[in-house]
Each structure stands twice: as C-alpha cells, then as structure tokens.
C-alpha cells in the first residue's frame, strides 16, 4: 500500500523492490483495499443443519421410547420434519455416539421379580469368596426352530447395550424352540449340557 499509494511506484518497480510477482502484488493490493486486510475473508462454508440445540432435540426424540429407538432413518426425518439426507442424519447421530445396532435379546422380567432379584443381591452384597463358591450358577439359551424373521435394529450408544428401550424382551409364545441349559459351582464342578424341545 505504501509503495503504491505513497511512493507512487509502478507495479514493475514494486516487483523489483519486493521480489514478488507484480500480479500477486496487484491481488494483495486489491484485497487490502476491499477487505481492509491482505488476508482472505473467512469462508462461511456449508450452513450447519444441526446446531447444538437441534442435536439435543434429535437426541431427546430418538431416546424417547422403544418405538423411536427402532425407527428407520427416513421415518425420523419425516416425523421430525428435518430437511436433510439420511447420510447427514446418520453422521450427526454417529458424532453423538449413536449407531444402529442389533438389540440384545433378554427374557422379560416382571416388576415384582425385578424387586425380588434386587433384594436377593442386596442381601448378599458382602458375601466372601468362599460363600460364593458354594452357589450353583445356571444359564440357558433358547433358539427358535421356526426359521429366522426380520432382523430388528435399535439406535443406541455403546454403553446402552442393556437399556430397557434397547433390548428385545422375549416372552412365552407358541413357537417351537430348543433350550440349552447348563450349570456350574466353583472352579471345578460343571453339569452336563441339556437340550429341551418345547
């Protein structure tokens, strides 16, 4: 600016004086005149679809109940009236730690049984290692023999694996299934594996 406006130097003279190509000098001069600085203006970029407030509204909608956890991306966009693509929505949810995952299957537990189990655990909270070694532990797994149905998906964070809204509760039904059962007590005692068709 000084060489051009005050010293009245030509662009060729400025190039010789600074060692910078005169076309670059012209661009810097014009930018400074226009912006008040030789630096480029900060670019605005693509408008943000989801600001912090919109992300929180989206999170609250998704985590509202079992139904919203299982909605397709298209259905979420439609119900919330969001103007974005499925990919954008999926990326935003991923940035908050939410992904579509296969829900864990778990036998449904009625409220009265939940209270009984909690009481059982609280009564044995301070048991010693030796006391626990006298407990017989059992487990079972059930497989449906009537074929495979539609695989459901649920939207959740990694730490919500067993959230009540993120599991598929299984109750008694008329489907034919095979149950596998086994037990152990301490580090050495193990039962046989039993198969039951029902």
N, C-alpha and C. Protein backbone atom coordinates (compact mmCIF):
# COMPACT_ATOMS: atom_id res chain seq x y z
N UNK A 1 0.84 -1.20 0.00
CA UNK A 1 0.00 0.00 0.00
C UNK A 1 0.87 1.25 0.00
N UNK A 2 1.90 1.24 0.83
CA UNK A 2 2.78 2.41 0.94
C UNK A 2 3.53 2.65 -0.37
N UNK A 3 4.08 1.59 -0.95
CA UNK A 3 4.85 1.73 -2.19
C UNK A 3 3.97 2.20 -3.34
N UNK A 4 2.72 1.75 -3.35
CA UNK A 4 1.83 2.11 -4.45
C UNK A 4 1.19 3.47 -4.26
N UNK A 5 0.64 3.74 -3.06
CA UNK A 5 -0.11 4.98 -2.85
C UNK A 5 0.79 6.15 -2.48
N UNK A 6 1.77 5.88 -1.61
CA UNK A 6 2.60 7.00 -1.15
C UNK A 6 3.81 7.24 -2.07
N UNK A 7 4.50 6.16 -2.41
CA UNK A 7 5.69 6.33 -3.24
C UNK A 7 5.35 6.40 -4.73
N UNK A 8 4.12 6.13 -5.09
CA UNK A 8 3.65 6.19 -6.48
C UNK A 8 4.50 5.31 -7.40
N UNK A 9 4.89 4.14 -6.91
CA UNK A 9 5.71 3.25 -7.72
C UNK A 9 4.85 2.44 -8.67
N UNK A 10 5.37 2.08 -9.81
CA UNK A 10 4.66 1.22 -10.75
C UNK A 10 4.72 -0.21 -10.23
N UNK A 11 3.86 -1.05 -10.81
CA UNK A 11 3.85 -2.45 -10.38
C UNK A 11 5.16 -3.14 -10.70
N UNK A 12 5.78 -2.80 -11.81
CA UNK A 12 7.08 -3.37 -12.16
C UNK A 12 8.14 -2.96 -11.15
N UNK A 13 8.12 -1.70 -10.73
CA UNK A 13 9.08 -1.22 -9.73
C UNK A 13 8.86 -1.92 -8.39
N UNK A 14 7.57 -2.12 -8.03
CA UNK A 14 7.27 -2.81 -6.77
C UNK A 14 7.77 -4.25 -6.83
N UNK A 15 7.62 -4.90 -8.00
CA UNK A 15 8.12 -6.26 -8.17
C UNK A 15 9.63 -6.30 -7.98
N UNK A 16 10.34 -5.34 -8.56
CA UNK A 16 11.79 -5.30 -8.41
C UNK A 16 12.19 -5.02 -6.97
N UNK A 17 11.41 -4.22 -6.28
CA UNK A 17 11.74 -3.82 -4.91
C UNK A 17 11.46 -4.94 -3.90
N UNK A 18 10.38 -5.67 -4.12
CA UNK A 18 9.97 -6.69 -3.14
C UNK A 18 10.37 -8.10 -3.53
N UNK A 19 10.60 -8.31 -4.82
CA UNK A 19 10.88 -9.66 -5.30
C UNK A 19 9.63 -10.50 -5.45
N UNK A 20 8.44 -9.87 -5.38
CA UNK A 20 7.15 -10.57 -5.52
C UNK A 20 6.57 -10.24 -6.88
N UNK A 21 6.05 -11.23 -7.57
CA UNK A 21 5.47 -11.02 -8.89
C UNK A 21 4.44 -9.90 -8.83
N UNK A 22 4.44 -9.04 -9.85
CA UNK A 22 3.58 -7.86 -9.81
C UNK A 22 2.10 -8.23 -9.81
N UNK A 23 1.74 -9.38 -10.42
CA UNK A 23 0.33 -9.80 -10.40
C UNK A 23 -0.11 -10.16 -8.98
N UNK A 24 0.80 -10.81 -8.23
CA UNK A 24 0.49 -11.11 -6.82
C UNK A 24 0.36 -9.83 -6.02
N UNK A 25 1.25 -8.86 -6.32
CA UNK A 25 1.16 -7.55 -5.64
C UNK A 25 -0.16 -6.87 -5.92
N UNK A 26 -0.63 -6.97 -7.17
CA UNK A 26 -1.92 -6.36 -7.53
C UNK A 26 -3.07 -7.01 -6.75
N UNK A 27 -3.01 -8.35 -6.63
CA UNK A 27 -4.07 -9.05 -5.90
C UNK A 27 -4.08 -8.66 -4.43
N UNK A 28 -2.90 -8.59 -3.81
CA UNK A 28 -2.81 -8.20 -2.39
C UNK A 28 -3.31 -6.78 -2.20
N UNK A 29 -2.96 -5.91 -3.13
CA UNK A 29 -3.39 -4.50 -3.05
C UNK A 29 -4.91 -4.40 -3.13
N UNK A 30 -5.50 -5.10 -4.13
CA UNK A 30 -6.95 -5.04 -4.30
C UNK A 30 -7.67 -5.65 -3.10
N UNK A 31 -7.15 -6.75 -2.55
CA UNK A 31 -7.76 -7.39 -1.39
C UNK A 31 -7.72 -6.48 -0.18
N UNK A 32 -6.59 -5.78 0.01
CA UNK A 32 -6.46 -4.88 1.15
C UNK A 32 -7.42 -3.70 1.02
N UNK A 33 -7.56 -3.18 -0.19
CA UNK A 33 -8.50 -2.09 -0.42
C UNK A 33 -9.93 -2.50 -0.13
N UNK A 34 -10.25 -3.75 -0.52
CA UNK A 34 -11.63 -4.22 -0.38
C UNK A 34 -11.96 -4.68 1.04
N UNK A 35 -11.03 -5.46 1.65
CA UNK A 35 -11.32 -6.09 2.94
C UNK A 35 -10.69 -5.40 4.13
N UNK A 36 -9.76 -4.48 3.87
CA UNK A 36 -9.05 -3.85 4.97
C UNK A 36 -7.92 -4.71 5.51
N UNK A 37 -7.66 -5.85 4.87
CA UNK A 37 -6.60 -6.77 5.29
C UNK A 37 -6.14 -7.55 4.06
N UNK A 38 -4.85 -7.88 3.99
CA UNK A 38 -4.38 -8.68 2.86
C UNK A 38 -4.82 -10.14 2.92
N UNK A 39 -5.35 -10.57 4.06
CA UNK A 39 -5.78 -11.96 4.20
C UNK A 39 -7.12 -12.17 3.51
N UNK A 40 -7.38 -13.42 3.12
CA UNK A 40 -8.67 -13.77 2.53
C UNK A 40 -9.76 -13.70 3.58
N UNK A 41 -10.97 -13.39 3.15
CA UNK A 41 -12.10 -13.41 4.07
C UNK A 41 -12.37 -14.84 4.53
N UNK A 42 -12.74 -15.00 5.79
CA UNK A 42 -13.08 -16.36 6.25
C UNK A 42 -14.27 -16.89 5.48
N UNK A 43 -14.15 -18.14 5.04
CA UNK A 43 -15.22 -18.75 4.27
C UNK A 43 -16.33 -19.24 5.20
N UNK A 44 -17.55 -19.01 4.77
CA UNK A 44 -18.69 -19.42 5.60
C UNK A 44 -18.92 -20.92 5.52
N UNK A 45 -18.63 -21.52 4.36
CA UNK A 45 -18.84 -22.96 4.20
C UNK A 45 -20.32 -23.31 4.13
N UNK A 46 -20.59 -24.60 4.14
CA UNK A 46 -21.97 -25.06 4.07
C UNK A 46 -22.69 -24.78 5.39
N UNK A 47 -23.92 -24.27 5.32
CA UNK A 47 -24.65 -23.99 6.57
C UNK A 47 -24.81 -25.25 7.42
N UNK A 48 -24.69 -25.09 8.72
CA UNK A 48 -24.82 -26.23 9.64
C UNK A 48 -26.30 -26.59 9.77
N UNK A 49 -26.63 -27.85 9.48
CA UNK A 49 -28.03 -28.29 9.59
C UNK A 49 -28.42 -28.49 11.05
N UNK A 50 -27.50 -29.07 11.83
CA UNK A 50 -27.78 -29.37 13.23
C UNK A 50 -26.83 -28.58 14.13
N UNK A 51 -27.35 -27.55 14.78
CA UNK A 51 -26.56 -26.87 15.81
C UNK A 51 -26.76 -27.63 17.12
N UNK A 52 -26.19 -27.11 18.19
CA UNK A 52 -26.25 -27.82 19.47
C UNK A 52 -27.69 -28.03 19.93
N UNK A 53 -28.55 -27.02 19.71
CA UNK A 53 -29.95 -27.13 20.13
C UNK A 53 -30.69 -28.19 19.32
N UNK A 54 -30.44 -28.23 17.99
CA UNK A 54 -31.09 -29.22 17.15
C UNK A 54 -30.61 -30.64 17.47
N UNK A 55 -29.32 -30.77 17.79
CA UNK A 55 -28.80 -32.09 18.16
C UNK A 55 -29.46 -32.61 19.44
N UNK A 56 -29.66 -31.70 20.40
CA UNK A 56 -30.31 -32.11 21.64
C UNK A 56 -31.76 -32.49 21.39
N UNK A 57 -32.45 -31.76 20.53
CA UNK A 57 -33.84 -32.11 20.19
C UNK A 57 -33.89 -33.46 19.50
N UNK A 58 -32.93 -33.72 18.64
CA UNK A 58 -32.85 -35.02 17.96
C UNK A 58 -32.59 -36.14 18.95
N UNK A 59 -31.66 -35.91 19.89
CA UNK A 59 -31.33 -36.93 20.89
C UNK A 59 -32.55 -37.26 21.75
N UNK A 60 -33.27 -36.25 22.18
CA UNK A 60 -34.45 -36.46 23.02
C UNK A 60 -35.52 -37.24 22.27
N UNK A 61 -35.66 -36.97 20.99
CA UNK A 61 -36.66 -37.69 20.19
C UNK A 61 -36.28 -39.16 20.03
N UNK A 62 -35.04 -39.42 19.70
CA UNK A 62 -34.59 -40.79 19.47
C UNK A 62 -34.71 -41.63 20.73
N UNK A 63 -34.34 -41.07 21.87
CA UNK A 63 -34.29 -41.83 23.13
C UNK A 63 -35.61 -41.78 23.90
N UNK A 64 -36.68 -41.35 23.25
CA UNK A 64 -37.96 -41.18 23.96
C UNK A 64 -38.55 -42.51 24.43
N UNK A 65 -38.53 -43.53 23.56
CA UNK A 65 -39.12 -44.81 23.94
C UNK A 65 -38.64 -45.91 22.99
N UNK A 66 -39.18 -47.09 23.17
CA UNK A 66 -38.80 -48.24 22.34
C UNK A 66 -39.09 -48.00 20.86
N UNK A 67 -40.21 -47.37 20.57
CA UNK A 67 -40.60 -47.17 19.17
C UNK A 67 -39.62 -46.26 18.44
N UNK A 68 -39.30 -45.12 19.05
CA UNK A 68 -38.41 -44.17 18.36
C UNK A 68 -36.98 -44.72 18.23
N UNK A 69 -36.60 -45.58 19.15
CA UNK A 69 -35.26 -46.20 19.05
C UNK A 69 -35.16 -47.10 17.82
N UNK A 70 -36.29 -47.60 17.32
CA UNK A 70 -36.29 -48.57 16.23
C UNK A 70 -36.74 -47.98 14.90
N UNK A 71 -36.93 -46.68 14.82
CA UNK A 71 -37.37 -46.05 13.57
C UNK A 71 -36.28 -46.10 12.51
N UNK A 72 -36.69 -46.20 11.25
CA UNK A 72 -35.77 -46.07 10.14
C UNK A 72 -35.33 -44.60 10.03
N UNK A 73 -34.16 -44.39 9.43
CA UNK A 73 -33.67 -43.01 9.30
C UNK A 73 -34.68 -42.13 8.55
N UNK A 74 -35.29 -42.67 7.48
CA UNK A 74 -36.27 -41.90 6.71
C UNK A 74 -37.46 -41.50 7.57
N UNK A 75 -37.89 -42.41 8.43
CA UNK A 75 -39.05 -42.13 9.29
C UNK A 75 -38.73 -41.03 10.30
N UNK A 76 -37.49 -41.03 10.80
CA UNK A 76 -37.08 -39.98 11.74
C UNK A 76 -37.13 -38.62 11.06
N UNK A 77 -36.59 -38.55 9.84
CA UNK A 77 -36.59 -37.29 9.09
C UNK A 77 -38.01 -36.80 8.87
N UNK A 78 -38.91 -37.73 8.52
CA UNK A 78 -40.30 -37.36 8.24
C UNK A 78 -41.02 -36.91 9.51
N UNK A 79 -40.89 -37.67 10.59
CA UNK A 79 -41.61 -37.33 11.82
C UNK A 79 -41.11 -36.04 12.46
N UNK A 80 -39.81 -35.77 12.33
CA UNK A 80 -39.26 -34.55 12.94
C UNK A 80 -39.31 -33.36 12.00
N UNK A 81 -39.60 -33.61 10.72
CA UNK A 81 -39.65 -32.52 9.75
C UNK A 81 -38.29 -31.91 9.49
N UNK A 82 -37.25 -32.75 9.41
CA UNK A 82 -35.88 -32.28 9.21
C UNK A 82 -35.58 -32.24 7.72
N UNK A 83 -34.94 -31.16 7.27
CA UNK A 83 -34.54 -31.03 5.87
C UNK A 83 -33.09 -31.46 5.71
N UNK A 84 -32.88 -32.77 5.66
CA UNK A 84 -31.53 -33.30 5.48
C UNK A 84 -31.61 -34.68 4.86
N UNK A 85 -30.48 -35.19 4.43
CA UNK A 85 -30.43 -36.52 3.84
C UNK A 85 -30.26 -37.57 4.94
N UNK A 86 -30.48 -38.83 4.57
CA UNK A 86 -30.27 -39.93 5.51
C UNK A 86 -28.81 -39.97 5.95
N UNK A 87 -27.91 -39.75 5.01
CA UNK A 87 -26.48 -39.79 5.33
C UNK A 87 -26.12 -38.72 6.35
N UNK A 88 -26.65 -37.51 6.17
CA UNK A 88 -26.37 -36.43 7.13
C UNK A 88 -26.89 -36.78 8.51
N UNK A 89 -28.12 -37.30 8.58
CA UNK A 89 -28.70 -37.68 9.86
C UNK A 89 -27.87 -38.77 10.53
N UNK A 90 -27.47 -39.78 9.75
CA UNK A 90 -26.66 -40.87 10.29
C UNK A 90 -25.32 -40.36 10.82
N UNK A 91 -24.71 -39.43 10.09
CA UNK A 91 -23.41 -38.87 10.51
C UNK A 91 -23.55 -38.05 11.79
N UNK A 92 -24.66 -37.30 11.90
CA UNK A 92 -24.88 -36.50 13.10
C UNK A 92 -25.09 -37.40 14.31
N UNK A 93 -25.88 -38.45 14.13
CA UNK A 93 -26.09 -39.38 15.24
C UNK A 93 -24.78 -40.07 15.63
N UNK A 94 -23.96 -40.40 14.64
CA UNK A 94 -22.67 -41.03 14.93
C UNK A 94 -21.76 -40.08 15.70
N UNK A 95 -21.82 -38.79 15.38
CA UNK A 95 -20.99 -37.80 16.09
C UNK A 95 -21.38 -37.70 17.56
N UNK A 96 -22.62 -38.10 17.89
CA UNK A 96 -23.07 -38.09 19.28
C UNK A 96 -22.94 -39.47 19.93
N UNK A 97 -22.37 -40.42 19.18
CA UNK A 97 -22.13 -41.75 19.73
C UNK A 97 -23.26 -42.74 19.50
N UNK A 98 -24.26 -42.37 18.69
CA UNK A 98 -25.41 -43.26 18.45
C UNK A 98 -25.27 -43.97 17.10
N UNK A 99 -25.47 -45.28 17.13
CA UNK A 99 -25.40 -46.09 15.92
C UNK A 99 -26.55 -47.09 15.93
N UNK A 100 -26.89 -47.61 14.76
CA UNK A 100 -27.87 -48.69 14.68
C UNK A 100 -27.19 -50.01 15.01
N UNK A 101 -27.74 -50.72 15.98
CA UNK A 101 -27.17 -51.99 16.42
C UNK A 101 -28.29 -53.01 16.58
N UNK A 102 -27.92 -54.28 16.51
CA UNK A 102 -28.89 -55.34 16.76
C UNK A 102 -29.19 -55.37 18.26
N UNK A 103 -30.45 -55.29 18.65
CA UNK A 103 -30.78 -55.28 20.09
C UNK A 103 -30.46 -56.60 20.75
N UNK A 104 -30.03 -56.52 22.00
CA UNK A 104 -29.80 -57.73 22.78
C UNK A 104 -31.13 -58.39 23.12
N UNK A 105 -31.15 -59.70 23.05
CA UNK A 105 -32.37 -60.43 23.42
C UNK A 105 -32.30 -60.82 24.89
N UNK A 106 -33.38 -60.60 25.58
CA UNK A 106 -33.40 -60.83 27.01
C UNK A 106 -34.81 -61.22 27.42
N UNK A 107 -34.90 -62.25 28.25
CA UNK A 107 -36.22 -62.63 28.75
C UNK A 107 -36.82 -61.50 29.56
N UNK A 108 -38.09 -61.23 29.31
CA UNK A 108 -38.77 -60.17 30.04
C UNK A 108 -38.90 -60.51 31.52
N UNK A 109 -38.67 -59.52 32.37
CA UNK A 109 -38.77 -59.71 33.82
C UNK A 109 -39.87 -58.79 34.35
N UNK A 110 -40.84 -59.36 35.03
CA UNK A 110 -41.91 -58.55 35.60
C UNK A 110 -41.40 -57.75 36.79
N UNK A 111 -42.07 -56.66 37.07
CA UNK A 111 -41.60 -55.72 38.11
C UNK A 111 -41.43 -56.39 39.46
N UNK A 112 -42.36 -57.27 39.81
CA UNK A 112 -42.25 -57.92 41.12
C UNK A 112 -41.00 -58.79 41.19
N UNK A 113 -40.65 -59.45 40.07
CA UNK A 113 -39.45 -60.28 40.05
C UNK A 113 -38.17 -59.42 40.04
N UNK A 114 -38.25 -58.24 39.43
CA UNK A 114 -37.11 -57.33 39.48
C UNK A 114 -36.80 -56.93 40.92
N UNK A 115 -37.85 -56.64 41.69
CA UNK A 115 -37.65 -56.26 43.09
C UNK A 115 -37.07 -57.43 43.89
N UNK A 116 -37.56 -58.65 43.61
CA UNK A 116 -37.04 -59.82 44.32
C UNK A 116 -35.56 -60.05 44.01
N UNK A 117 -35.18 -59.89 42.76
CA UNK A 117 -33.78 -60.09 42.37
C UNK A 117 -32.88 -59.04 42.99
N UNK A 118 -33.36 -57.80 43.01
CA UNK A 118 -32.58 -56.73 43.63
C UNK A 118 -32.39 -57.00 45.12
N UNK A 119 -33.45 -57.43 45.79
CA UNK A 119 -33.36 -57.75 47.22
C UNK A 119 -32.38 -58.89 47.45
N UNK A 120 -32.41 -59.90 46.59
CA UNK A 120 -31.50 -61.05 46.71
C UNK A 120 -30.05 -60.59 46.62
N UNK A 121 -29.77 -59.70 45.68
CA UNK A 121 -28.40 -59.20 45.51
C UNK A 121 -27.96 -58.35 46.70
N UNK A 122 -28.86 -57.51 47.18
CA UNK A 122 -28.51 -56.64 48.31
C UNK A 122 -28.22 -57.44 49.57
N UNK A 123 -28.94 -58.54 49.77
CA UNK A 123 -28.72 -59.38 50.95
C UNK A 123 -27.37 -60.10 50.91
N UNK A 124 -26.82 -60.26 49.72
CA UNK A 124 -25.54 -60.98 49.58
C UNK A 124 -24.41 -60.06 49.12
N UNK A 125 -24.59 -58.77 49.33
CA UNK A 125 -23.63 -57.78 48.85
C UNK A 125 -22.24 -57.98 49.45
N UNK A 126 -22.17 -58.44 50.70
CA UNK A 126 -20.88 -58.56 51.40
C UNK A 126 -20.45 -60.02 51.59
N UNK A 127 -20.94 -60.91 50.75
CA UNK A 127 -20.51 -62.29 50.84
C UNK A 127 -19.02 -62.43 50.54
N UNK A 128 -18.41 -63.43 51.14
CA UNK A 128 -16.99 -63.69 50.89
C UNK A 128 -16.84 -64.56 49.64
N UNK A 129 -15.61 -64.70 49.18
CA UNK A 129 -15.32 -65.55 48.02
C UNK A 129 -15.74 -66.99 48.29
N UNK A 130 -15.48 -67.49 49.48
CA UNK A 130 -15.83 -68.87 49.82
C UNK A 130 -17.34 -69.09 49.79
N UNK A 131 -18.09 -68.09 50.24
CA UNK A 131 -19.55 -68.23 50.22
C UNK A 131 -20.07 -68.30 48.78
N UNK A 132 -19.50 -67.48 47.90
CA UNK A 132 -19.94 -67.50 46.50
C UNK A 132 -19.55 -68.82 45.82
N UNK A 133 -18.49 -69.46 46.26
CA UNK A 133 -18.06 -70.72 45.67
C UNK A 133 -19.03 -71.86 45.96
N UNK A 134 -19.97 -71.65 46.89
CA UNK A 134 -20.96 -72.69 47.20
C UNK A 134 -22.27 -72.50 46.42
N UNK A 135 -22.30 -71.49 45.58
CA UNK A 135 -23.51 -71.20 44.80
C UNK A 135 -23.47 -71.96 43.47
N UNK A 136 -24.59 -72.55 43.11
CA UNK A 136 -24.72 -73.21 41.81
C UNK A 136 -25.27 -72.18 40.81
N UNK A 137 -24.48 -71.95 39.76
CA UNK A 137 -24.87 -70.97 38.74
C UNK A 137 -25.40 -71.70 37.52
N UNK A 138 -26.53 -71.24 36.99
CA UNK A 138 -27.13 -71.86 35.81
C UNK A 138 -27.31 -70.81 34.71
N UNK A 139 -27.36 -71.30 33.50
CA UNK A 139 -27.63 -70.40 32.36
C UNK A 139 -28.34 -71.19 31.28
N UNK A 140 -29.06 -70.48 30.45
CA UNK A 140 -29.80 -71.14 29.38
C UNK A 140 -29.84 -70.23 28.16
N UNK A 141 -30.03 -70.83 27.01
CA UNK A 141 -30.17 -70.09 25.77
C UNK A 141 -31.22 -70.79 24.92
N UNK A 142 -32.09 -70.00 24.30
CA UNK A 142 -33.18 -70.57 23.52
C UNK A 142 -33.05 -70.19 22.06
N UNK A 143 -33.28 -71.16 21.18
CA UNK A 143 -33.19 -70.94 19.75
C UNK A 143 -34.53 -71.29 19.11
N UNK A 144 -35.02 -70.41 18.27
CA UNK A 144 -36.29 -70.63 17.58
C UNK A 144 -36.05 -71.55 16.39
N UNK A 145 -36.83 -72.62 16.28
CA UNK A 145 -36.65 -73.59 15.20
C UNK A 145 -37.62 -73.34 14.04
N UNK A 146 -38.38 -72.26 14.12
CA UNK A 146 -39.39 -71.99 13.08
C UNK A 146 -38.84 -71.09 11.98
N UNK A 147 -37.52 -70.90 11.92
CA UNK A 147 -36.94 -70.06 10.88
C UNK A 147 -36.59 -68.70 11.43
N UNK A 148 -35.97 -67.91 10.60
CA UNK A 148 -35.49 -66.59 11.00
C UNK A 148 -36.40 -65.52 10.43
N UNK A 149 -36.73 -64.58 11.25
CA UNK A 149 -37.58 -63.49 10.83
C UNK A 149 -36.77 -62.24 10.51
N UNK A 150 -37.44 -61.10 10.51
CA UNK A 150 -36.81 -59.82 10.22
C UNK A 150 -35.83 -59.45 11.34
N UNK A 151 -34.64 -59.02 10.97
CA UNK A 151 -33.66 -58.60 11.98
C UNK A 151 -33.94 -57.15 12.37
N UNK A 152 -34.26 -56.90 13.62
CA UNK A 152 -34.53 -55.52 14.04
C UNK A 152 -33.23 -54.77 14.32
N UNK A 153 -33.32 -53.45 14.30
CA UNK A 153 -32.18 -52.60 14.64
C UNK A 153 -32.66 -51.58 15.67
N UNK A 154 -31.76 -51.16 16.51
CA UNK A 154 -32.09 -50.16 17.53
C UNK A 154 -30.98 -49.11 17.55
N UNK A 155 -31.35 -47.85 17.74
CA UNK A 155 -30.38 -46.76 17.78
C UNK A 155 -29.96 -46.54 19.23
N UNK A 156 -28.68 -46.71 19.50
CA UNK A 156 -28.20 -46.55 20.88
C UNK A 156 -26.71 -46.25 20.89
N UNK A 157 -26.25 -45.81 22.07
CA UNK A 157 -24.81 -45.65 22.31
C UNK A 157 -24.24 -47.00 22.75
N UNK A 158 -22.92 -47.09 22.74
CA UNK A 158 -22.27 -48.34 23.12
C UNK A 158 -22.58 -48.72 24.57
N UNK A 159 -22.76 -47.72 25.45
CA UNK A 159 -22.99 -48.02 26.86
C UNK A 159 -24.47 -48.24 27.18
N UNK A 160 -25.33 -48.28 26.16
CA UNK A 160 -26.76 -48.50 26.39
C UNK A 160 -27.19 -49.90 25.94
N UNK A 161 -26.25 -50.84 25.96
CA UNK A 161 -26.49 -52.18 25.44
C UNK A 161 -27.71 -52.84 26.08
N UNK A 162 -27.86 -52.66 27.40
CA UNK A 162 -28.97 -53.30 28.11
C UNK A 162 -29.96 -52.27 28.66
N UNK A 163 -30.04 -51.11 28.02
CA UNK A 163 -31.08 -50.14 28.38
C UNK A 163 -32.44 -50.76 28.08
N UNK A 164 -33.44 -50.58 28.96
CA UNK A 164 -34.75 -51.22 28.75
C UNK A 164 -35.35 -50.96 27.38
N UNK A 165 -35.09 -49.78 26.79
CA UNK A 165 -35.64 -49.47 25.47
C UNK A 165 -34.83 -50.08 24.33
N UNK A 166 -33.67 -50.65 24.65
CA UNK A 166 -32.76 -51.13 23.60
C UNK A 166 -32.63 -52.64 23.54
N UNK A 167 -33.46 -53.34 24.28
CA UNK A 167 -33.41 -54.81 24.25
C UNK A 167 -34.71 -55.35 23.68
N UNK A 168 -34.65 -56.56 23.18
CA UNK A 168 -35.85 -57.26 22.73
C UNK A 168 -36.23 -58.27 23.80
N UNK A 169 -37.30 -57.99 24.53
CA UNK A 169 -37.74 -58.90 25.57
C UNK A 169 -38.48 -60.08 24.95
N UNK A 170 -38.19 -61.26 25.45
CA UNK A 170 -38.83 -62.47 24.94
C UNK A 170 -39.77 -63.03 26.00
N UNK A 171 -40.98 -63.34 25.58
CA UNK A 171 -41.98 -63.92 26.48
C UNK A 171 -42.42 -65.25 25.88
N UNK A 172 -43.17 -65.99 26.64
CA UNK A 172 -43.64 -67.29 26.17
C UNK A 172 -44.54 -67.11 24.95
N UNK A 173 -44.36 -67.99 23.97
CA UNK A 173 -45.17 -67.92 22.75
C UNK A 173 -45.43 -69.33 22.25
N UNK A 174 -46.16 -69.41 21.14
CA UNK A 174 -46.49 -70.71 20.59
C UNK A 174 -45.43 -71.26 19.65
N UNK A 175 -44.31 -70.56 19.46
CA UNK A 175 -43.28 -71.03 18.55
C UNK A 175 -42.52 -72.20 19.15
N UNK A 176 -42.10 -73.11 18.29
CA UNK A 176 -41.31 -74.24 18.74
C UNK A 176 -39.86 -73.81 18.87
N UNK A 177 -39.24 -74.13 20.01
CA UNK A 177 -37.88 -73.69 20.28
C UNK A 177 -37.08 -74.80 20.94
N UNK A 178 -35.78 -74.64 20.91
CA UNK A 178 -34.88 -75.54 21.60
C UNK A 178 -34.15 -74.74 22.67
N UNK A 179 -34.19 -75.25 23.91
CA UNK A 179 -33.49 -74.58 25.00
C UNK A 179 -32.27 -75.41 25.42
N UNK A 180 -31.13 -74.75 25.57
CA UNK A 180 -29.91 -75.40 26.05
C UNK A 180 -29.64 -74.90 27.46
N UNK A 181 -29.38 -75.83 28.38
CA UNK A 181 -29.24 -75.47 29.80
C UNK A 181 -27.98 -76.11 30.36
N UNK A 182 -27.30 -75.38 31.25
CA UNK A 182 -26.12 -75.91 31.92
C UNK A 182 -25.90 -75.20 33.24
N UNK A 183 -25.01 -75.77 34.10
CA UNK A 183 -24.76 -75.19 35.42
C UNK A 183 -23.32 -75.48 35.84
N UNK A 184 -22.83 -74.66 36.80
CA UNK A 184 -21.51 -74.91 37.39
C UNK A 184 -21.50 -74.39 38.82
N UNK A 185 -20.57 -74.90 39.62
CA UNK A 185 -20.42 -74.47 41.01
C UNK A 185 -18.92 -74.45 41.32
N UNK A 186 -18.38 -73.28 41.62
CA UNK A 186 -16.96 -73.18 41.88
C UNK A 186 -16.15 -73.38 40.61
N UNK A 187 -14.84 -73.53 40.75
CA UNK A 187 -13.98 -73.62 39.56
C UNK A 187 -13.97 -75.00 38.90
N UNK A 188 -14.52 -76.03 39.55
CA UNK A 188 -14.36 -77.39 39.02
C UNK A 188 -15.66 -78.11 38.72
N UNK A 189 -16.72 -77.88 39.49
CA UNK A 189 -17.97 -78.63 39.30
C UNK A 189 -18.78 -78.06 38.15
N UNK A 190 -19.04 -78.91 37.14
CA UNK A 190 -19.82 -78.50 35.97
C UNK A 190 -20.85 -79.57 35.65
N UNK A 191 -22.02 -79.15 35.21
CA UNK A 191 -23.08 -80.10 34.87
C UNK A 191 -22.95 -80.52 33.40
N UNK A 192 -23.74 -81.52 33.04
CA UNK A 192 -23.88 -81.85 31.63
C UNK A 192 -24.70 -80.76 30.94
N UNK A 193 -24.66 -80.75 29.62
CA UNK A 193 -25.46 -79.80 28.85
C UNK A 193 -26.76 -80.50 28.46
N UNK A 194 -27.89 -79.86 28.74
CA UNK A 194 -29.20 -80.44 28.46
C UNK A 194 -29.89 -79.67 27.34
N UNK A 195 -30.53 -80.42 26.43
CA UNK A 195 -31.30 -79.83 25.34
C UNK A 195 -32.76 -80.18 25.55
N UNK A 196 -33.63 -79.17 25.45
CA UNK A 196 -35.07 -79.40 25.64
C UNK A 196 -35.82 -78.79 24.46
N UNK A 197 -36.70 -79.56 23.84
CA UNK A 197 -37.55 -79.08 22.76
C UNK A 197 -38.90 -78.71 23.33
N UNK A 198 -39.34 -77.49 23.06
CA UNK A 198 -40.66 -77.07 23.56
C UNK A 198 -41.28 -76.06 22.61
